[in-house]
Amino acid sequence: GVTLRPDVYGARGLQIYYNVSDNKTWEGLVTTLHTFLTAYTPAAQHLNISCTNNTYFIQDTFDGPNKTKLSCKFTSDMLQNCSGITDPTFGFPEGKPCFIIKMNRV
């Protein structure tokens, strides 16, 4: 599946808007991104394995916790400017917001 964060579209459809000069219109979006990225801290990813770039990660067995397959580590710092680390507002006040698209088994 594919996931978009911040997820504010719901019944309105995929229409995200805010006022750059009114932080009340984008603070909730920033909070949603920070909450979403808590799963991608180094501590949260410690059980996942470091995978090699440009190499398929094929698993024939279920060696992960509860007989699941293992996952590659993905930490928020890999998102660079959109990690929330160097810019905790994710570019919203500058009118250059970050949006995160999560793809799972695509």
C-alpha atoms as a PDB file:
ATOM      1  CA  GLY A   1       0.000   0.000   0.000  1.00  0.00           C
ATOM      2  CA  VAL A   2       0.865   3.665  -0.197  1.00  0.00           C
ATOM      3  CA  THR A   3       0.536   6.132   2.689  1.00  0.00           C
ATOM      4  CA  LEU A   4       0.764   9.929   2.575  1.00  0.00           C
ATOM      5  CA  ARG A   5       1.717  11.998   5.620  1.00  0.00           C
ATOM      6  CA  PRO A   6       0.404  14.308   6.899  1.00  0.00           C
ATOM      7  CA  ASP A   7      -2.902  12.507   6.385  1.00  0.00           C
ATOM      8  CA  VAL A   8      -5.523  15.214   6.390  1.00  0.00           C
ATOM      9  CA  TYR A   9      -7.452  14.387   3.271  1.00  0.00           C
ATOM     10  CA  GLY A  10     -10.156  12.073   4.686  1.00  0.00           C
ATOM     11  CA  ALA A  11     -13.539  12.783   3.106  1.00  0.00           C
ATOM     12  CA  ARG A  12     -12.347  16.072   1.565  1.00  0.00           C
ATOM     13  CA  GLY A  13     -10.084  14.358  -0.900  1.00  0.00           C
ATOM     14  CA  LEU A  14      -6.389  15.013  -1.374  1.00  0.00           C
ATOM     15  CA  GLN A  15      -6.493  18.757  -0.883  1.00  0.00           C
ATOM     16  CA  ILE A  16      -4.059  20.185   1.638  1.00  0.00           C
ATOM     17  CA  TYR A  17      -3.899  23.919   2.129  1.00  0.00           C
ATOM     18  CA  TYR A  18      -2.599  26.311   4.761  1.00  0.00           C
ATOM     19  CA  ASN A  19      -1.636  29.956   5.250  1.00  0.00           C
ATOM     20  CA  VAL A  20       2.142  30.460   5.457  1.00  0.00           C
ATOM     21  CA  SER A  21       1.768  33.473   7.743  1.00  0.00           C
ATOM     22  CA  ASP A  22      -0.712  31.762  10.110  1.00  0.00           C
ATOM     23  CA  ASN A  23       1.072  28.987  11.975  1.00  0.00           C
ATOM     24  CA  LYS A  24      -2.234  27.756  13.420  1.00  0.00           C
ATOM     25  CA  THR A  25      -3.110  26.500   9.922  1.00  0.00           C
ATOM     26  CA  TRP A  26      -0.016  24.286   9.674  1.00  0.00           C
ATOM     27  CA  GLU A  27       0.972  23.389  13.253  1.00  0.00           C
ATOM     28  CA  GLY A  28      -1.273  20.322  13.183  1.00  0.00           C
ATOM     29  CA  LEU A  29       0.398  19.128   9.986  1.00  0.00           C
ATOM     30  CA  VAL A  30       3.831  19.488  11.596  1.00  0.00           C
ATOM     31  CA  THR A  31       2.656  17.569  14.673  1.00  0.00           C
ATOM     32  CA  THR A  32       1.320  14.789  12.439  1.00  0.00           C
ATOM     33  CA  LEU A  33       4.705  14.483  10.714  1.00  0.00           C
ATOM     34  CA  HIS A  34       6.613  14.376  14.016  1.00  0.00           C
ATOM     35  CA  THR A  35       4.247  11.704  15.339  1.00  0.00           C
ATOM     36  CA  PHE A  36       4.583   9.649  12.164  1.00  0.00           C
ATOM     37  CA  LEU A  37       8.389   9.826  12.251  1.00  0.00           C
ATOM     38  CA  THR A  38       8.659   8.478  15.821  1.00  0.00           C
ATOM     39  CA  ALA A  39       8.582   4.988  14.286  1.00  0.00           C
ATOM     40  CA  TYR A  40      11.730   5.868  12.338  1.00  0.00           C
ATOM     41  CA  THR A  41      14.094   6.877  15.139  1.00  0.00           C
ATOM     42  CA  PRO A  42      17.277   4.804  15.504  1.00  0.00           C
ATOM     43  CA  ALA A  43      15.875   3.348  18.749  1.00  0.00           C
ATOM     44  CA  ALA A  44      12.633   2.323  17.048  1.00  0.00           C
ATOM     45  CA  GLN A  45      14.532   0.755  14.143  1.00  0.00           C
ATOM     46  CA  HIS A  46      17.093  -1.167  16.226  1.00  0.00           C
ATOM     47  CA  LEU A  47      15.627  -4.610  15.429  1.00  0.00           C
ATOM     48  CA  ASN A  48      15.681  -3.996  11.690  1.00  0.00           C
ATOM     49  CA  ILE A  49      18.755  -4.832   9.643  1.00  0.00           C
ATOM     50  CA  SER A  50      21.058  -2.639   7.598  1.00  0.00           C
ATOM     51  CA  CYS A  51      20.465  -3.443   3.957  1.00  0.00           C
ATOM     52  CA  THR A  52      22.834  -2.840   1.064  1.00  0.00           C
ATOM     53  CA  ASN A  53      21.955  -0.175  -1.486  1.00  0.00           C
ATOM     54  CA  ASN A  54      21.034  -1.334  -4.982  1.00  0.00           C
ATOM     55  CA  THR A  55      20.573  -4.918  -3.819  1.00  0.00           C
ATOM     56  CA  TYR A  56      17.337  -6.867  -3.525  1.00  0.00           C
ATOM     57  CA  PHE A  57      16.569  -8.059  -0.003  1.00  0.00           C
ATOM     58  CA  ILE A  58      15.032 -11.473  -0.628  1.00  0.00           C
ATOM     59  CA  GLN A  59      13.907 -13.575   2.337  1.00  0.00           C
ATOM     60  CA  ASP A  60      12.839 -17.175   2.014  1.00  0.00           C
ATOM     61  CA  THR A  61      12.157 -17.666   5.725  1.00  0.00           C
ATOM     62  CA  PHE A  62      10.280 -15.868   8.479  1.00  0.00           C
ATOM     63  CA  ASP A  63      13.143 -15.065  10.848  1.00  0.00           C
ATOM     64  CA  GLY A  64      11.722 -11.847  12.298  1.00  0.00           C
ATOM     65  CA  PRO A  65       9.823 -11.401  15.562  1.00  0.00           C
ATOM     66  CA  ASN A  66       6.666 -13.548  15.778  1.00  0.00           C
ATOM     67  CA  LYS A  67       7.713 -15.421  12.624  1.00  0.00           C
ATOM     68  CA  THR A  68       7.594 -12.353  10.388  1.00  0.00           C
ATOM     69  CA  LYS A  69      10.010 -11.270   7.711  1.00  0.00           C
ATOM     70  CA  LEU A  70      12.742  -8.804   8.610  1.00  0.00           C
ATOM     71  CA  SER A  71      12.733  -5.182   7.506  1.00  0.00           C
ATOM     72  CA  CYS A  72      15.521  -2.911   6.362  1.00  0.00           C
ATOM     73  CA  LYS A  73      16.396  -0.055   8.694  1.00  0.00           C
ATOM     74  CA  PHE A  74      14.928   3.255   7.652  1.00  0.00           C
ATOM     75  CA  THR A  75      15.670   6.147   9.972  1.00  0.00           C
ATOM     76  CA  SER A  76      14.218   9.627   9.690  1.00  0.00           C
ATOM     77  CA  ASP A  77      17.662  11.185   9.174  1.00  0.00           C
ATOM     78  CA  MET A  78      17.637   9.540   5.726  1.00  0.00           C
ATOM     79  CA  LEU A  79      14.972  12.094   4.786  1.00  0.00           C
ATOM     80  CA  GLN A  80      17.581  14.861   5.139  1.00  0.00           C
ATOM     81  CA  ASN A  81      15.783  18.257   5.021  1.00  0.00           C
ATOM     82  CA  CYS A  82      12.427  16.533   5.594  1.00  0.00           C
ATOM     83  CA  SER A  83      13.587  14.622   8.678  1.00  0.00           C
ATOM     84  CA  GLY A  84      12.358  17.222  11.157  1.00  0.00           C
ATOM     85  CA  ILE A  85      15.847  17.257  12.665  1.00  0.00           C
ATOM     86  CA  THR A  86      17.363  20.330  11.007  1.00  0.00           C
ATOM     87  CA  ASP A  87      13.990  21.985  10.374  1.00  0.00           C
ATOM     88  CA  PRO A  88      11.390  21.014  12.978  1.00  0.00           C
ATOM     89  CA  THR A  89       8.705  22.869  10.981  1.00  0.00           C
ATOM     90  CA  PHE A  90       9.274  20.750   7.840  1.00  0.00           C
ATOM     91  CA  GLY A  91       9.404  23.845   5.603  1.00  0.00           C
ATOM     92  CA  PHE A  92       5.803  24.930   6.211  1.00  0.00           C
ATOM     93  CA  PRO A  93       6.564  28.551   7.253  1.00  0.00           C
ATOM     94  CA  GLU A  94       8.667  29.051   4.101  1.00  0.00           C
ATOM     95  CA  GLY A  95       5.937  27.731   1.812  1.00  0.00           C
ATOM     96  CA  LYS A  96       8.060  24.682   0.928  1.00  0.00           C
ATOM     97  CA  PRO A  97       6.425  21.932   3.000  1.00  0.00           C
ATOM     98  CA  CYS A  98       7.575  18.352   3.193  1.00  0.00           C
ATOM     99  CA  PHE A  99       5.154  15.537   2.471  1.00  0.00           C
ATOM    100  CA  ILE A 100       6.099  11.943   3.110  1.00  0.00           C
ATOM    101  CA  ILE A 101       4.868   9.131   0.922  1.00  0.00           C
ATOM    102  CA  LYS A 102       5.303   5.697   2.489  1.00  0.00           C
ATOM    103  CA  MET A 103       5.332   2.739   0.142  1.00  0.00           C
ATOM    104  CA  ASN A 104       5.001  -0.732   1.594  1.00  0.00           C
ATOM    105  CA  ARG A 105       5.597  -3.839  -0.525  1.00  0.00           C
ATOM    106  CA  VAL A 106       5.184  -1.899  -3.747  1.00  0.00           C
END
